[in-house]
């Protein structure tokens, strides 16, 4: 019986090794120079839009950074998430994590400039649109959850911090949706 399970285990290990090598394939693009330092010799992606790269990045920072700040601010409001139900806390916490991760990816993309290495483009510019869309959806879900929680307790609570929480989350949703739209339309050209 153990002999029958072993080939599947070996196949599983081989699949893991292939995935590991695939994730680290960009390391093949680094070569040692005469001084022993590693130099990147792989492909690059260059921003090819009609608008200046710095202007587009400023808009992305406004949308992603502003959306992340609003998401953090919504959770920091006194009493807005105190004793909150699970259907409010889960989407909010997921939105918070994704919003902060979007900012980290935007930092990496910004550091690269208008011409980024292929692996950085793959890890940032290709992932950010879907990450921003997911964050926008989660912010909308957290806003809806707060609305349901406020009306379930007492409709007059909506004018307090719960209302501000809903407003912050809706603005964050709009900001991340705009960032996703802008990122999807950013043209990049591959340079070998």
Protein backbone atom coordinates (compact mmCIF):
# COMPACT_ATOMS: atom_id res chain seq x y z
CA UNK A 1 0.00 0.00 0.00
CA UNK A 2 2.78 2.42 0.87
CA UNK A 3 4.47 1.59 -2.46
CA UNK A 4 1.34 2.69 -4.29
CA UNK A 5 1.24 6.08 -2.57
CA UNK A 6 4.90 6.84 -3.12
CA UNK A 7 4.71 7.64 -6.88
CA UNK A 8 2.04 10.25 -6.16
CA UNK A 9 4.22 11.70 -3.43
CA UNK A 10 7.18 11.84 -5.81
CA UNK A 11 5.00 13.49 -8.44
CA UNK A 12 3.82 16.01 -5.85
CA UNK A 13 7.41 16.79 -4.87
CA UNK A 14 8.39 17.19 -8.53
CA UNK A 15 5.45 19.56 -9.07
CA UNK A 16 6.54 21.64 -6.08
CA UNK A 17 10.10 21.80 -7.38
CA UNK A 18 8.87 22.91 -10.83
CA UNK A 19 6.73 25.64 -9.26
CA UNK A 20 9.65 26.77 -7.13
CA UNK A 21 11.92 26.98 -10.16
CA UNK A 22 9.23 28.81 -12.13
CA UNK A 23 8.84 31.43 -9.38
CA UNK A 24 12.60 32.00 -9.30
CA UNK A 25 13.15 31.87 -13.07
CA UNK A 26 13.97 35.59 -13.15
CA UNK A 27 17.17 34.82 -11.24
CA UNK A 28 18.51 33.31 -14.48
CA UNK A 29 18.56 36.87 -15.88
CA UNK A 30 21.32 37.90 -13.45
CA UNK A 31 24.95 37.32 -14.39
CA UNK A 32 28.20 38.01 -12.58
CA UNK A 33 30.42 40.68 -14.07
CA UNK A 34 34.23 40.80 -13.89
CA UNK A 35 34.10 42.36 -10.42
CA UNK A 36 31.90 39.58 -9.07
CA UNK A 37 28.78 41.75 -8.88
CA UNK A 38 25.48 40.56 -10.27
CA UNK A 39 24.07 42.48 -13.23
CA UNK A 40 20.54 42.16 -14.59
CA UNK A 41 20.61 41.07 -18.25
CA UNK A 42 16.93 40.26 -18.73
CA UNK A 43 14.07 42.04 -20.46
CA UNK A 44 12.61 45.38 -19.41
CA UNK A 45 9.22 47.01 -19.78
CA UNK A 46 9.02 50.68 -20.70
CA UNK A 47 6.04 52.92 -20.05
CA UNK A 48 4.69 53.89 -23.47
CA UNK A 49 1.76 56.17 -22.64
CA UNK A 50 1.02 59.56 -24.13
CA UNK A 51 0.80 61.20 -20.71
CA UNK A 52 3.97 61.75 -18.67
CA UNK A 53 4.89 58.81 -16.47
CA UNK A 54 5.25 61.04 -13.41
CA UNK A 55 1.72 62.39 -13.87
CA UNK A 56 0.24 58.91 -14.16
CA UNK A 57 2.14 57.80 -11.06
CA UNK A 58 0.89 60.83 -9.16
CA UNK A 59 -2.69 59.86 -10.03
CA UNK A 60 -2.03 56.26 -8.98
CA UNK A 61 -0.65 57.47 -5.66
CA UNK A 62 -3.68 59.70 -5.20
CA UNK A 63 -6.05 56.79 -5.85
CA UNK A 64 -4.17 53.91 -4.14
CA UNK A 65 -2.63 55.94 -1.35
CA UNK A 66 -5.83 57.87 -0.73
CA UNK A 67 -7.91 54.71 -0.80
CA UNK A 68 -5.56 52.99 1.63
CA UNK A 69 -5.58 56.02 3.94
CA UNK A 70 -9.38 56.09 3.89
CA UNK A 71 -9.54 52.37 4.65
CA UNK A 72 -7.15 52.73 7.58
CA UNK A 73 -9.03 55.83 8.74
CA UNK A 74 -12.36 54.03 8.64
CA UNK A 75 -11.10 51.39 11.04
CA UNK A 76 -9.56 54.00 13.33
CA UNK A 77 -12.85 55.81 13.88
CA UNK A 78 -13.89 55.44 17.52
CA UNK A 79 -16.73 52.97 17.86
CA UNK A 80 -17.18 52.34 14.14
CA UNK A 81 -16.07 48.72 14.36
CA UNK A 82 -16.56 48.11 18.08
CA UNK A 83 -18.63 44.98 18.68
CA UNK A 84 -19.09 44.71 14.91
CA UNK A 85 -20.56 41.56 13.38
CA UNK A 86 -18.46 39.15 11.34
CA UNK A 87 -20.09 40.24 8.06
CA UNK A 88 -18.59 43.69 8.64
CA UNK A 89 -15.21 42.76 10.10
CA UNK A 90 -14.18 40.12 7.56
CA UNK A 91 -14.53 42.27 4.43
CA UNK A 92 -13.06 45.26 6.24
CA UNK A 93 -9.97 43.38 7.45
CA UNK A 94 -9.47 41.79 4.01
CA UNK A 95 -9.83 45.22 2.37
CA UNK A 96 -7.32 46.68 4.82
CA UNK A 97 -4.73 43.99 4.08
CA UNK A 98 -5.20 44.29 0.30
CA UNK A 99 -5.10 48.10 0.43
CA UNK A 100 -1.78 48.06 2.26
CA UNK A 101 -0.42 45.41 -0.11
CA UNK A 102 -1.45 47.57 -3.09
CA UNK A 103 0.59 50.43 -1.63
CA UNK A 104 3.60 48.13 -1.24
CA UNK A 105 3.32 47.06 -4.88
CA UNK A 106 2.92 50.67 -5.96
CA UNK A 107 6.12 51.56 -4.07
CA UNK A 108 7.97 48.82 -6.00
CA UNK A 109 6.53 50.03 -9.30
CA UNK A 110 7.42 53.65 -8.52
CA UNK A 111 11.00 52.76 -7.57
CA UNK A 112 11.44 51.12 -10.96
CA UNK A 113 10.71 54.31 -12.89
CA UNK A 114 9.44 54.44 -16.46
CA UNK A 115 11.61 51.44 -17.40
CA UNK A 116 11.27 48.45 -15.07
CA UNK A 117 12.70 44.97 -15.09
CA UNK A 118 10.42 42.29 -16.48
CA UNK A 119 10.01 40.45 -13.18
CA UNK A 120 9.12 43.66 -11.36
CA UNK A 121 6.57 44.48 -14.08
CA UNK A 122 5.08 41.01 -13.65
CA UNK A 123 4.95 41.33 -9.85
CA UNK A 124 3.53 44.88 -9.80
CA UNK A 125 1.94 46.33 -12.93
CA UNK A 126 0.30 43.06 -13.90
CA UNK A 127 -1.07 42.30 -10.41
CA UNK A 128 -2.17 45.77 -9.30
CA UNK A 129 -5.34 46.11 -11.44
CA UNK A 130 -6.95 42.93 -10.10
CA UNK A 131 -5.72 43.71 -6.58
CA UNK A 132 -7.31 47.17 -6.74
CA UNK A 133 -10.59 45.71 -8.06
CA UNK A 134 -10.69 43.16 -5.24
CA UNK A 135 -10.00 45.90 -2.69
CA UNK A 136 -12.80 48.04 -4.14
CA UNK A 137 -15.25 45.14 -3.88
CA UNK A 138 -14.24 44.42 -0.29
CA UNK A 139 -14.56 48.10 0.67
CA UNK A 140 -18.07 48.14 -0.80
CA UNK A 141 -18.92 44.95 1.11
CA UNK A 142 -17.60 46.45 4.37
CA UNK A 143 -19.66 49.58 3.74
CA UNK A 144 -22.78 47.50 3.12
CA UNK A 145 -22.04 45.44 6.24
CA UNK A 146 -21.80 48.60 8.33
CA UNK A 147 -25.11 49.81 6.89
CA UNK A 148 -26.82 46.56 7.78
CA UNK A 149 -25.27 46.57 11.25
CA UNK A 150 -26.32 50.18 11.87
CA UNK A 151 -29.90 49.62 10.76
CA UNK A 152 -30.14 46.37 12.71
CA UNK A 153 -29.18 48.16 15.93
CA UNK A 154 -30.80 51.55 15.47
CA UNK A 155 -31.18 53.62 12.31
CA UNK A 156 -30.20 56.81 14.13
CA UNK A 157 -26.70 55.44 14.68
CA UNK A 158 -26.11 55.97 10.97
CA UNK A 159 -25.47 59.66 11.63
CA UNK A 160 -22.60 58.88 13.99
CA UNK A 161 -19.28 57.19 13.33
CA UNK A 162 -20.98 54.39 11.41
CA UNK A 163 -22.03 56.92 8.77
CA UNK A 164 -18.50 58.26 8.53
CA UNK A 165 -17.21 54.68 8.24
CA UNK A 166 -19.62 54.04 5.35
CA UNK A 167 -18.56 57.27 3.65
CA UNK A 168 -14.84 56.47 4.03
CA UNK A 169 -15.31 52.95 2.68
CA UNK A 170 -17.37 54.14 -0.30
CA UNK A 171 -14.76 56.77 -1.15
CA UNK A 172 -12.05 54.12 -0.80
CA UNK A 173 -14.04 51.82 -3.09
CA UNK A 174 -14.24 54.57 -5.72
CA UNK A 175 -10.52 55.35 -5.37
CA UNK A 176 -9.45 51.74 -5.84
CA UNK A 177 -11.86 51.28 -8.76
CA UNK A 178 -10.34 54.36 -10.42
CA UNK A 179 -6.83 53.03 -9.76
CA UNK A 180 -7.73 49.69 -11.34
CA UNK A 181 -9.18 51.46 -14.38
CA UNK A 182 -6.06 53.61 -14.76
CA UNK A 183 -3.64 50.71 -14.25
CA UNK A 184 -5.43 48.59 -16.82
CA UNK A 185 -4.97 51.35 -19.41
CA UNK A 186 -1.29 52.02 -18.72
CA UNK A 187 0.57 50.92 -21.86
CA UNK A 188 3.89 49.11 -21.45
CA UNK A 189 6.26 47.95 -24.19
CA UNK A 190 8.61 45.04 -23.73
CA UNK A 191 12.29 45.64 -24.45
CA UNK A 192 14.59 42.66 -24.86
